[in-house]
Amino acid sequence: MRLIAVKILRDFWAAHPDAQSPSRAWADEVRQAQWQQPADIKARYASASVLRSRRVVFNVKGNDYRIVVAIAYRLGVVYVKFVGTHTQYDRIDADTVEDSP
């Protein structure tokens, strides 16, 4: 998969250095993935939440952080829409969010 908006991740790492290693590992796995449908994601990430808006919420670092992405399966593209703490995530609508806090 092609990962778009990696700058959002980098900006988040600057503010939360403890998130860098686990979210970088997640990003590396996404780049190697070949997801064709939501079930492919659930097979690897059982705790991921697949939303009705073609978005997926990933729990990172033991659920300390959340990453919300939009996925264009046919294009093989994953767009990072939000990266934040669990508390920040609770204040957004994952179906519509377009950027991190």
PDB file of N, CA and C in Angstrom:
ATOM      1  N   MET A   1       0.852  -1.170   0.000  1.00  0.00           N
ATOM      2  CA  MET A   1       0.000   0.000   0.000  1.00  0.00           C
ATOM      3  C   MET A   1       0.902   1.239   0.000  1.00  0.00           C
ATOM      4  N   ARG A   2       0.403   2.282  -0.620  1.00  0.00           N
ATOM      5  CA  ARG A   2       1.089   3.579  -0.558  1.00  0.00           C
ATOM      6  C   ARG A   2       0.522   4.349   0.616  1.00  0.00           C
ATOM      7  N   LEU A   3       1.400   4.866   1.446  1.00  0.00           N
ATOM      8  CA  LEU A   3       0.982   5.609   2.631  1.00  0.00           C
ATOM      9  C   LEU A   3       1.116   7.101   2.348  1.00  0.00           C
ATOM     10  N   ILE A   4       0.005   7.814   2.450  1.00  0.00           N
ATOM     11  CA  ILE A   4      -0.047   9.244   2.153  1.00  0.00           C
ATOM     12  C   ILE A   4      -0.226  10.028   3.457  1.00  0.00           C
ATOM     13  N   ALA A   5       0.381  11.207   3.502  1.00  0.00           N
ATOM     14  CA  ALA A   5       0.291  12.130   4.644  1.00  0.00           C
ATOM     15  C   ALA A   5       1.152  11.663   5.813  1.00  0.00           C
ATOM     16  N   VAL A   6       2.330  11.175   5.513  1.00  0.00           N
ATOM     17  CA  VAL A   6       3.257  10.725   6.545  1.00  0.00           C
ATOM     18  C   VAL A   6       3.707  11.903   7.413  1.00  0.00           C
ATOM     19  N   LYS A   7       3.624  13.118   6.889  1.00  0.00           N
ATOM     20  CA  LYS A   7       3.996  14.300   7.672  1.00  0.00           C
ATOM     21  C   LYS A   7       3.167  14.392   8.942  1.00  0.00           C
ATOM     22  N   ILE A   8       1.915  13.983   8.884  1.00  0.00           N
ATOM     23  CA  ILE A   8       1.075  13.985  10.088  1.00  0.00           C
ATOM     24  C   ILE A   8       1.707  13.088  11.157  1.00  0.00           C
ATOM     25  N   LEU A   9       2.218  11.939  10.736  1.00  0.00           N
ATOM     26  CA  LEU A   9       2.891  11.037  11.674  1.00  0.00           C
ATOM     27  C   LEU A   9       4.154  11.696  12.222  1.00  0.00           C
ATOM     28  N   ARG A  10       4.970  12.257  11.358  1.00  0.00           N
ATOM     29  CA  ARG A  10       6.220  12.886  11.806  1.00  0.00           C
ATOM     30  C   ARG A  10       5.967  14.020  12.794  1.00  0.00           C
ATOM     31  N   ASP A  11       4.972  14.824  12.513  1.00  0.00           N
ATOM     32  CA  ASP A  11       4.633  15.920  13.429  1.00  0.00           C
ATOM     33  C   ASP A  11       4.193  15.367  14.789  1.00  0.00           C
ATOM     34  N   PHE A  12       3.455  14.279  14.760  1.00  0.00           N
ATOM     35  CA  PHE A  12       3.008  13.674  16.004  1.00  0.00           C
ATOM     36  C   PHE A  12       4.180  13.105  16.789  1.00  0.00           C
ATOM     37  N   TRP A  13       5.133  12.494  16.091  1.00  0.00           N
ATOM     38  CA  TRP A  13       6.314  11.940  16.766  1.00  0.00           C
ATOM     39  C   TRP A  13       7.108  13.033  17.469  1.00  0.00           C
ATOM     40  N   ALA A  14       7.152  14.214  16.883  1.00  0.00           N
ATOM     41  CA  ALA A  14       7.882  15.319  17.505  1.00  0.00           C
ATOM     42  C   ALA A  14       7.269  15.675  18.860  1.00  0.00           C
ATOM     43  N   ALA A  15       5.960  15.608  18.956  1.00  0.00           N
ATOM     44  CA  ALA A  15       5.266  15.937  20.204  1.00  0.00           C
ATOM     45  C   ALA A  15       5.183  14.749  21.165  1.00  0.00           C
ATOM     46  N   HIS A  16       5.224  13.529  20.613  1.00  0.00           N
ATOM     47  CA  HIS A  16       5.074  12.308  21.416  1.00  0.00           C
ATOM     48  C   HIS A  16       6.145  11.299  20.995  1.00  0.00           C
ATOM     49  N   PRO A  17       7.396  11.509  21.429  1.00  0.00           N
ATOM     50  CA  PRO A  17       8.496  10.633  20.993  1.00  0.00           C
ATOM     51  C   PRO A  17       8.263   9.153  21.297  1.00  0.00           C
ATOM     52  N   ASP A  18       7.520   8.843  22.354  1.00  0.00           N
ATOM     53  CA  ASP A  18       7.277   7.436  22.681  1.00  0.00           C
ATOM     54  C   ASP A  18       6.360   6.749  21.666  1.00  0.00           C
ATOM     55  N   ALA A  19       5.699   7.528  20.838  1.00  0.00           N
ATOM     56  CA  ALA A  19       4.835   6.959  19.794  1.00  0.00           C
ATOM     57  C   ALA A  19       5.603   6.641  18.518  1.00  0.00           C
ATOM     58  N   GLN A  20       6.813   7.159  18.391  1.00  0.00           N
ATOM     59  CA  GLN A  20       7.540   7.019  17.131  1.00  0.00           C
ATOM     60  C   GLN A  20       7.821   5.569  16.759  1.00  0.00           C
ATOM     61  N   SER A  21       8.383   4.812  17.651  1.00  0.00           N
ATOM     62  CA  SER A  21       8.749   3.432  17.313  1.00  0.00           C
ATOM     63  C   SER A  21       7.533   2.575  16.949  1.00  0.00           C
ATOM     64  N   PRO A  22       6.480   2.552  17.777  1.00  0.00           N
ATOM     65  CA  PRO A  22       5.344   1.703  17.396  1.00  0.00           C
ATOM     66  C   PRO A  22       4.600   2.197  16.156  1.00  0.00           C
ATOM     67  N   SER A  23       4.477   3.498  15.977  1.00  0.00           N
ATOM     68  CA  SER A  23       3.762   3.977  14.791  1.00  0.00           C
ATOM     69  C   SER A  23       4.625   3.862  13.537  1.00  0.00           C
ATOM     70  N   ARG A  24       5.933   3.939  13.685  1.00  0.00           N
ATOM     71  CA  ARG A  24       6.820   3.695  12.537  1.00  0.00           C
ATOM     72  C   ARG A  24       6.729   2.227  12.115  1.00  0.00           C
ATOM     73  N   ALA A  25       6.670   1.329  13.086  1.00  0.00           N
ATOM     74  CA  ALA A  25       6.509  -0.099  12.775  1.00  0.00           C
ATOM     75  C   ALA A  25       5.178  -0.328  12.057  1.00  0.00           C
ATOM     76  N   TRP A  26       4.122   0.336  12.542  1.00  0.00           N
ATOM     77  CA  TRP A  26       2.818   0.237  11.871  1.00  0.00           C
ATOM     78  C   TRP A  26       2.923   0.726  10.429  1.00  0.00           C
ATOM     79  N   ALA A  27       3.562   1.878  10.224  1.00  0.00           N
ATOM     80  CA  ALA A  27       3.705   2.441   8.870  1.00  0.00           C
ATOM     81  C   ALA A  27       4.473   1.490   7.958  1.00  0.00           C
ATOM     82  N   ASP A  28       5.514   0.869   8.481  1.00  0.00           N
ATOM     83  CA  ASP A  28       6.283  -0.091   7.676  1.00  0.00           C
ATOM     84  C   ASP A  28       5.417  -1.280   7.273  1.00  0.00           C
ATOM     85  N   GLU A  29       4.577  -1.749   8.193  1.00  0.00           N
ATOM     86  CA  GLU A  29       3.682  -2.868   7.879  1.00  0.00           C
ATOM     87  C   GLU A  29       2.644  -2.462   6.832  1.00  0.00           C
ATOM     88  N   VAL A  30       2.131  -1.248   6.945  1.00  0.00           N
ATOM     89  CA  VAL A  30       1.149  -0.767   5.965  1.00  0.00           C
ATOM     90  C   VAL A  30       1.772  -0.735   4.579  1.00  0.00           C
ATOM     91  N   ARG A  31       2.995  -0.257   4.481  1.00  0.00           N
ATOM     92  CA  ARG A  31       3.663  -0.173   3.170  1.00  0.00           C
ATOM     93  C   ARG A  31       3.865  -1.554   2.542  1.00  0.00           C
ATOM     94  N   GLN A  32       3.992  -2.579   3.368  1.00  0.00           N
ATOM     95  CA  GLN A  32       4.180  -3.942   2.857  1.00  0.00           C
ATOM     96  C   GLN A  32       2.855  -4.652   2.570  1.00  0.00           C
ATOM     97  N   ALA A  33       1.779  -4.124   3.099  1.00  0.00           N
ATOM     98  CA  ALA A  33       0.465  -4.774   2.981  1.00  0.00           C
ATOM     99  C   ALA A  33      -0.093  -4.659   1.568  1.00  0.00           C
ATOM    100  N   GLN A  34      -1.019  -5.561   1.275  1.00  0.00           N
ATOM    101  CA  GLN A  34      -1.744  -5.539   0.003  1.00  0.00           C
ATOM    102  C   GLN A  34      -3.220  -5.778   0.302  1.00  0.00           C
ATOM    103  N   TRP A  35      -3.800  -4.851   1.041  1.00  0.00           N
ATOM    104  CA  TRP A  35      -5.190  -4.991   1.447  1.00  0.00           C
ATOM    105  C   TRP A  35      -6.121  -4.802   0.267  1.00  0.00           C
ATOM    106  N   GLN A  36      -7.051  -5.722   0.118  1.00  0.00           N
ATOM    107  CA  GLN A  36      -8.060  -5.649  -0.931  1.00  0.00           C
ATOM    108  C   GLN A  36      -9.449  -5.323  -0.369  1.00  0.00           C
ATOM    109  N   GLN A  37      -9.598  -5.547   0.939  1.00  0.00           N
ATOM    110  CA  GLN A  37     -10.895  -5.362   1.591  1.00  0.00           C
ATOM    111  C   GLN A  37     -10.671  -5.253   3.100  1.00  0.00           C
ATOM    112  N   PRO A  38     -11.663  -4.767   3.826  1.00  0.00           N
ATOM    113  CA  PRO A  38     -11.511  -4.622   5.276  1.00  0.00           C
ATOM    114  C   PRO A  38     -11.140  -5.927   5.998  1.00  0.00           C
ATOM    115  N   ALA A  39     -11.617  -7.047   5.517  1.00  0.00           N
ATOM    116  CA  ALA A  39     -11.304  -8.324   6.163  1.00  0.00           C
ATOM    117  C   ALA A  39      -9.807  -8.600   6.176  1.00  0.00           C
ATOM    118  N   ASP A  40      -9.092  -8.105   5.177  1.00  0.00           N
ATOM    119  CA  ASP A  40      -7.635  -8.276   5.140  1.00  0.00           C
ATOM    120  C   ASP A  40      -6.975  -7.544   6.307  1.00  0.00           C
ATOM    121  N   ILE A  41      -7.496  -6.390   6.632  1.00  0.00           N
ATOM    122  CA  ILE A  41      -6.963  -5.622   7.755  1.00  0.00           C
ATOM    123  C   ILE A  41      -7.280  -6.322   9.067  1.00  0.00           C
ATOM    124  N   LYS A  42      -8.534  -6.754   9.227  1.00  0.00           N
ATOM    125  CA  LYS A  42      -8.945  -7.421  10.452  1.00  0.00           C
ATOM    126  C   LYS A  42      -8.172  -8.721  10.684  1.00  0.00           C
ATOM    127  N   ALA A  43      -7.744  -9.368   9.611  1.00  0.00           N
ATOM    128  CA  ALA A  43      -6.970 -10.602   9.759  1.00  0.00           C
ATOM    129  C   ALA A  43      -5.624 -10.332  10.422  1.00  0.00           C
ATOM    130  N   ARG A  44      -5.074  -9.159  10.201  1.00  0.00           N
ATOM    131  CA  ARG A  44      -3.774  -8.801  10.778  1.00  0.00           C
ATOM    132  C   ARG A  44      -3.925  -7.983  12.059  1.00  0.00           C
ATOM    133  N   TYR A  45      -4.910  -7.105  12.091  1.00  0.00           N
ATOM    134  CA  TYR A  45      -5.129  -6.196  13.223  1.00  0.00           C
ATOM    135  C   TYR A  45      -6.532  -6.430  13.777  1.00  0.00           C
ATOM    136  N   ALA A  46      -6.663  -7.395  14.647  1.00  0.00           N
ATOM    137  CA  ALA A  46      -7.982  -7.740  15.190  1.00  0.00           C
ATOM    138  C   ALA A  46      -8.618  -6.577  15.947  1.00  0.00           C
ATOM    139  N   SER A  47      -7.800  -5.714  16.541  1.00  0.00           N
ATOM    140  CA  SER A  47      -8.357  -4.606  17.319  1.00  0.00           C
ATOM    141  C   SER A  47      -8.676  -3.379  16.466  1.00  0.00           C
ATOM    142  N   ALA A  48      -8.370  -3.416  15.189  1.00  0.00           N
ATOM    143  CA  ALA A  48      -8.701  -2.288  14.312  1.00  0.00           C
ATOM    144  C   ALA A  48     -10.213  -2.177  14.183  1.00  0.00           C
ATOM    145  N   SER A  49     -10.675  -0.935  14.097  1.00  0.00           N
ATOM    146  CA  SER A  49     -12.113  -0.691  13.921  1.00  0.00           C
ATOM    147  C   SER A  49     -12.363  -0.224  12.497  1.00  0.00           C
ATOM    148  N   VAL A  50     -13.136  -0.984  11.756  1.00  0.00           N
ATOM    149  CA  VAL A  50     -13.485  -0.621  10.386  1.00  0.00           C
ATOM    150  C   VAL A  50     -14.772   0.199  10.445  1.00  0.00           C
ATOM    151  N   LEU A  51     -14.712   1.406   9.911  1.00  0.00           N
ATOM    152  CA  LEU A  51     -15.853   2.315   9.949  1.00  0.00           C
ATOM    153  C   LEU A  51     -16.599   2.299   8.628  1.00  0.00           C
ATOM    154  N   ARG A  52     -17.809   2.799   8.647  1.00  0.00           N
ATOM    155  CA  ARG A  52     -18.653   2.778   7.447  1.00  0.00           C
ATOM    156  C   ARG A  52     -18.144   3.704   6.348  1.00  0.00           C
ATOM    157  N   SER A  53     -17.291   4.631   6.685  1.00  0.00           N
ATOM    158  CA  SER A  53     -16.820   5.644   5.740  1.00  0.00           C
ATOM    159  C   SER A  53     -15.534   5.241   5.020  1.00  0.00           C
ATOM    160  N   ARG A  54     -15.260   3.943   4.919  1.00  0.00           N
ATOM    161  CA  ARG A  54     -14.027   3.435   4.331  1.00  0.00           C
ATOM    162  C   ARG A  54     -12.805   3.864   5.132  1.00  0.00           C
ATOM    163  N   ARG A  55     -13.029   4.089   6.392  1.00  0.00           N
ATOM    164  CA  ARG A  55     -11.948   4.454   7.296  1.00  0.00           C
ATOM    165  C   ARG A  55     -11.709   3.333   8.285  1.00  0.00           C
ATOM    166  N   VAL A  56     -10.485   3.339   8.803  1.00  0.00           N
ATOM    167  CA  VAL A  56     -10.102   2.332   9.782  1.00  0.00           C
ATOM    168  C   VAL A  56      -9.364   3.045  10.916  1.00  0.00           C
ATOM    169  N   VAL A  57      -9.640   2.624  12.138  1.00  0.00           N
ATOM    170  CA  VAL A  57      -8.967   3.159  13.317  1.00  0.00           C
ATOM    171  C   VAL A  57      -8.040   2.074  13.849  1.00  0.00           C
ATOM    172  N   PHE A  58      -6.762   2.418  13.956  1.00  0.00           N
ATOM    173  CA  PHE A  58      -5.758   1.500  14.484  1.00  0.00           C
ATOM    174  C   PHE A  58      -5.358   1.944  15.882  1.00  0.00           C
ATOM    175  N   ASN A  59      -5.212   0.999  16.793  1.00  0.00           N
ATOM    176  CA  ASN A  59      -4.705   1.258  18.135  1.00  0.00           C
ATOM    177  C   ASN A  59      -3.197   1.053  18.103  1.00  0.00           C
ATOM    178  N   VAL A  60      -2.468   2.020  18.650  1.00  0.00           N
ATOM    179  CA  VAL A  60      -1.006   1.956  18.626  1.00  0.00           C
ATOM    180  C   VAL A  60      -0.472   2.089  20.044  1.00  0.00           C
ATOM    181  N   LYS A  61       0.580   1.369  20.321  1.00  0.00           N
ATOM    182  CA  LYS A  61       1.241   1.395  21.637  1.00  0.00           C
ATOM    183  C   LYS A  61       0.254   1.067  22.748  1.00  0.00           C
ATOM    184  N   GLY A  62      -0.317  -0.103  22.646  1.00  0.00           N
ATOM    185  CA  GLY A  62      -1.223  -0.566  23.697  1.00  0.00           C
ATOM    186  C   GLY A  62      -2.442   0.306  23.877  1.00  0.00           C
ATOM    187  N   ASN A  63      -2.921   0.872  22.778  1.00  0.00           N
ATOM    188  CA  ASN A  63      -4.114   1.713  22.768  1.00  0.00           C
ATOM    189  C   ASN A  63      -3.875   3.101  23.372  1.00  0.00           C
ATOM    190  N   ASP A  64      -2.599   3.488  23.553  1.00  0.00           N
ATOM    191  CA  ASP A  64      -2.294   4.846  24.014  1.00  0.00           C
ATOM    192  C   ASP A  64      -2.579   5.861  22.912  1.00  0.00           C
ATOM    193  N   TYR A  65      -2.393   5.435  21.672  1.00  0.00           N
ATOM    194  CA  TYR A  65      -2.545   6.326  20.523  1.00  0.00           C
ATOM    195  C   TYR A  65      -3.470   5.690  19.502  1.00  0.00           C
ATOM    196  N   ARG A  66      -4.080   6.545  18.691  1.00  0.00           N
ATOM    197  CA  ARG A  66      -4.969   6.085  17.627  1.00  0.00           C
ATOM    198  C   ARG A  66      -4.531   6.701  16.308  1.00  0.00           C
ATOM    199  N   ILE A  67      -4.618   5.918  15.264  1.00  0.00           N
ATOM    200  CA  ILE A  67      -4.365   6.394  13.904  1.00  0.00           C
ATOM    201  C   ILE A  67      -5.624   6.112  13.100  1.00  0.00           C
ATOM    202  N   VAL A  68      -6.165   7.155  12.484  1.00  0.00           N
ATOM    203  CA  VAL A  68      -7.351   7.020  11.634  1.00  0.00           C
ATOM    204  C   VAL A  68      -6.885   7.196  10.195  1.00  0.00           C
ATOM    205  N   VAL A  69      -7.253   6.250   9.356  1.00  0.00           N
ATOM    206  CA  VAL A  69      -6.882   6.324   7.943  1.00  0.00           C
ATOM    207  C   VAL A  69      -8.119   6.135   7.070  1.00  0.00           C
ATOM    208  N   ALA A  70      -8.027   6.678   5.876  1.00  0.00           N
ATOM    209  CA  ALA A  70      -9.010   6.398   4.826  1.00  0.00           C
ATOM    210  C   ALA A  70      -8.287   5.516   3.818  1.00  0.00           C
ATOM    211  N   ILE A  71      -8.984   4.528   3.306  1.00  0.00           N
ATOM    212  CA  ILE A  71      -8.334   3.567   2.404  1.00  0.00           C
ATOM    213  C   ILE A  71      -9.056   3.514   1.069  1.00  0.00           C
ATOM    214  N   ALA A  72      -8.266   3.641   0.018  1.00  0.00           N
ATOM    215  CA  ALA A  72      -8.760   3.434  -1.345  1.00  0.00           C
ATOM    216  C   ALA A  72      -8.207   2.072  -1.772  1.00  0.00           C
ATOM    217  N   TYR A  73      -8.978   1.035  -1.543  1.00  0.00           N
ATOM    218  CA  TYR A  73      -8.507  -0.327  -1.771  1.00  0.00           C
ATOM    219  C   TYR A  73      -8.091  -0.559  -3.220  1.00  0.00           C
ATOM    220  N   ARG A  74      -8.903  -0.110  -4.168  1.00  0.00           N
ATOM    221  CA  ARG A  74      -8.600  -0.361  -5.585  1.00  0.00           C
ATOM    222  C   ARG A  74      -7.315   0.336  -6.020  1.00  0.00           C
ATOM    223  N   LEU A  75      -7.024   1.486  -5.424  1.00  0.00           N
ATOM    224  CA  LEU A  75      -5.805   2.219  -5.755  1.00  0.00           C
ATOM    225  C   LEU A  75      -4.606   1.768  -4.922  1.00  0.00           C
ATOM    226  N   GLY A  76      -4.884   1.069  -3.835  1.00  0.00           N
ATOM    227  CA  GLY A  76      -3.806   0.638  -2.948  1.00  0.00           C
ATOM    228  C   GLY A  76      -3.201   1.793  -2.167  1.00  0.00           C
ATOM    229  N   VAL A  77      -4.059   2.715  -1.713  1.00  0.00           N
ATOM    230  CA  VAL A  77      -3.582   3.910  -1.030  1.00  0.00           C
ATOM    231  C   VAL A  77      -4.220   4.020   0.350  1.00  0.00           C
ATOM    232  N   VAL A  78      -3.388   4.360   1.331  1.00  0.00           N
ATOM    233  CA  VAL A  78      -3.830   4.589   2.704  1.00  0.00           C
ATOM    234  C   VAL A  78      -3.512   6.037   3.047  1.00  0.00           C
ATOM    235  N   TYR A  79      -4.545   6.811   3.371  1.00  0.00           N
ATOM    236  CA  TYR A  79      -4.396   8.229   3.704  1.00  0.00           C
ATOM    237  C   TYR A  79      -4.502   8.406   5.211  1.00  0.00           C
ATOM    238  N   VAL A  80      -3.453   8.921   5.835  1.00  0.00           N
ATOM    239  CA  VAL A  80      -3.509   9.199   7.275  1.00  0.00           C
ATOM    240  C   VAL A  80      -4.357  10.446   7.476  1.00  0.00           C
ATOM    241  N   LYS A  81      -5.416  10.311   8.261  1.00  0.00           N
ATOM    242  CA  LYS A  81      -6.336  11.415   8.522  1.00  0.00           C
ATOM    243  C   LYS A  81      -6.177  11.995   9.920  1.00  0.00           C
ATOM    244  N   PHE A  82      -5.731  11.174  10.856  1.00  0.00           N
ATOM    245  CA  PHE A  82      -5.615  11.622  12.241  1.00  0.00           C
ATOM    246  C   PHE A  82      -4.630  10.736  12.971  1.00  0.00           C
ATOM    247  N   VAL A  83      -3.814  11.350  13.809  1.00  0.00           N
ATOM    248  CA  VAL A  83      -2.981  10.632  14.767  1.00  0.00           C
ATOM    249  C   VAL A  83      -3.120  11.389  16.073  1.00  0.00           C
ATOM    250  N   GLY A  84      -3.431  10.684  17.136  1.00  0.00           N
ATOM    251  CA  GLY A  84      -3.588  11.377  18.405  1.00  0.00           C
ATOM    252  C   GLY A  84      -3.616  10.430  19.579  1.00  0.00           C
ATOM    253  N   THR A  85      -3.658  11.027  20.734  1.00  0.00           N
ATOM    254  CA  THR A  85      -3.786  10.236  21.952  1.00  0.00           C
ATOM    255  C   THR A  85      -5.207   9.690  22.028  1.00  0.00           C
ATOM    256  N   HIS A  86      -5.391   8.775  22.917  1.00  0.00           N
ATOM    257  CA  HIS A  86      -6.731   8.209  23.109  1.00  0.00           C
ATOM    258  C   HIS A  86      -7.713   9.321  23.496  1.00  0.00           C
ATOM    259  N   THR A  87      -7.276  10.228  24.344  1.00  0.00           N
ATOM    260  CA  THR A  87      -8.129  11.341  24.768  1.00  0.00           C
ATOM    261  C   THR A  87      -8.475  12.254  23.592  1.00  0.00           C
ATOM    262  N   GLN A  88      -7.493  12.574  22.750  1.00  0.00           N
ATOM    263  CA  GLN A  88      -7.755  13.408  21.572  1.00  0.00           C
ATOM    264  C   GLN A  88      -8.721  12.694  20.628  1.00  0.00           C
ATOM    265  N   TYR A  89      -8.545  11.408  20.478  1.00  0.00           N
ATOM    266  CA  TYR A  89      -9.429  10.626  19.608  1.00  0.00           C
ATOM    267  C   TYR A  89     -10.876  10.704  20.084  1.00  0.00           C
ATOM    268  N   ASP A  90     -11.067  10.685  21.379  1.00  0.00           N
ATOM    269  CA  ASP A  90     -12.426  10.736  21.933  1.00  0.00           C
ATOM    270  C   ASP A  90     -13.155  12.032  21.580  1.00  0.00           C
ATOM    271  N   ARG A  91     -12.410  13.065  21.174  1.00  0.00           N
ATOM    272  CA  ARG A  91     -13.020  14.359  20.859  1.00  0.00           C
ATOM    273  C   ARG A  91     -13.271  14.573  19.359  1.00  0.00           C
ATOM    274  N   ILE A  92     -12.956  13.589  18.536  1.00  0.00           N
ATOM    275  CA  ILE A  92     -13.131  13.757  17.089  1.00  0.00           C
ATOM    276  C   ILE A  92     -14.183  12.794  16.560  1.00  0.00           C
ATOM    277  N   ASP A  93     -14.610  13.040  15.340  1.00  0.00           N
ATOM    278  CA  ASP A  93     -15.466  12.100  14.619  1.00  0.00           C
ATOM    279  C   ASP A  93     -14.568  11.394  13.607  1.00  0.00           C
ATOM    280  N   ALA A  94     -14.260  10.151  13.864  1.00  0.00           N
ATOM    281  CA  ALA A  94     -13.319   9.409  13.015  1.00  0.00           C
ATOM    282  C   ALA A  94     -13.822   9.252  11.582  1.00  0.00           C
ATOM    283  N   ASP A  95     -15.124   9.363  11.384  1.00  0.00           N
ATOM    284  CA  ASP A  95     -15.685   9.245  10.040  1.00  0.00           C
ATOM    285  C   ASP A  95     -15.431  10.478   9.184  1.00  0.00           C
ATOM    286  N   THR A  96     -15.142  11.614   9.820  1.00  0.00           N
ATOM    287  CA  THR A  96     -15.004  12.855   9.051  1.00  0.00           C
ATOM    288  C   THR A  96     -13.715  13.632   9.297  1.00  0.00           C
ATOM    289  N   VAL A  97     -12.957  13.279  10.320  1.00  0.00           N
ATOM    290  CA  VAL A  97     -11.750  14.035  10.666  1.00  0.00           C
ATOM    291  C   VAL A  97     -10.788  14.095   9.471  1.00  0.00           C
ATOM    292  N   GLU A  98     -10.141  15.229   9.315  1.00  0.00           N
ATOM    293  CA  GLU A  98      -9.228  15.419   8.190  1.00  0.00           C
ATOM    294  C   GLU A  98      -7.809  15.763   8.594  1.00  0.00           C
ATOM    295  N   ASP A  99      -7.554  15.925   9.875  1.00  0.00           N
ATOM    296  CA  ASP A  99      -6.199  16.261  10.302  1.00  0.00           C
ATOM    297  C   ASP A  99      -6.078  16.046  11.795  1.00  0.00           C
ATOM    298  N   SER A 100      -4.850  15.946  12.258  1.00  0.00           N
ATOM    299  CA  SER A 100      -4.605  15.766  13.679  1.00  0.00           C
ATOM    300  C   SER A 100      -4.805  17.067  14.434  1.00  0.00           C
ATOM    301  N   PRO A 101      -5.019  16.952  15.753  1.00  0.00           N
ATOM    302  CA  PRO A 101      -5.232  18.146  16.570  1.00  0.00           C
ATOM    303  C   PRO A 101      -4.006  19.036  16.632  1.00  0.00           C
TER     304      PRO A 101
END
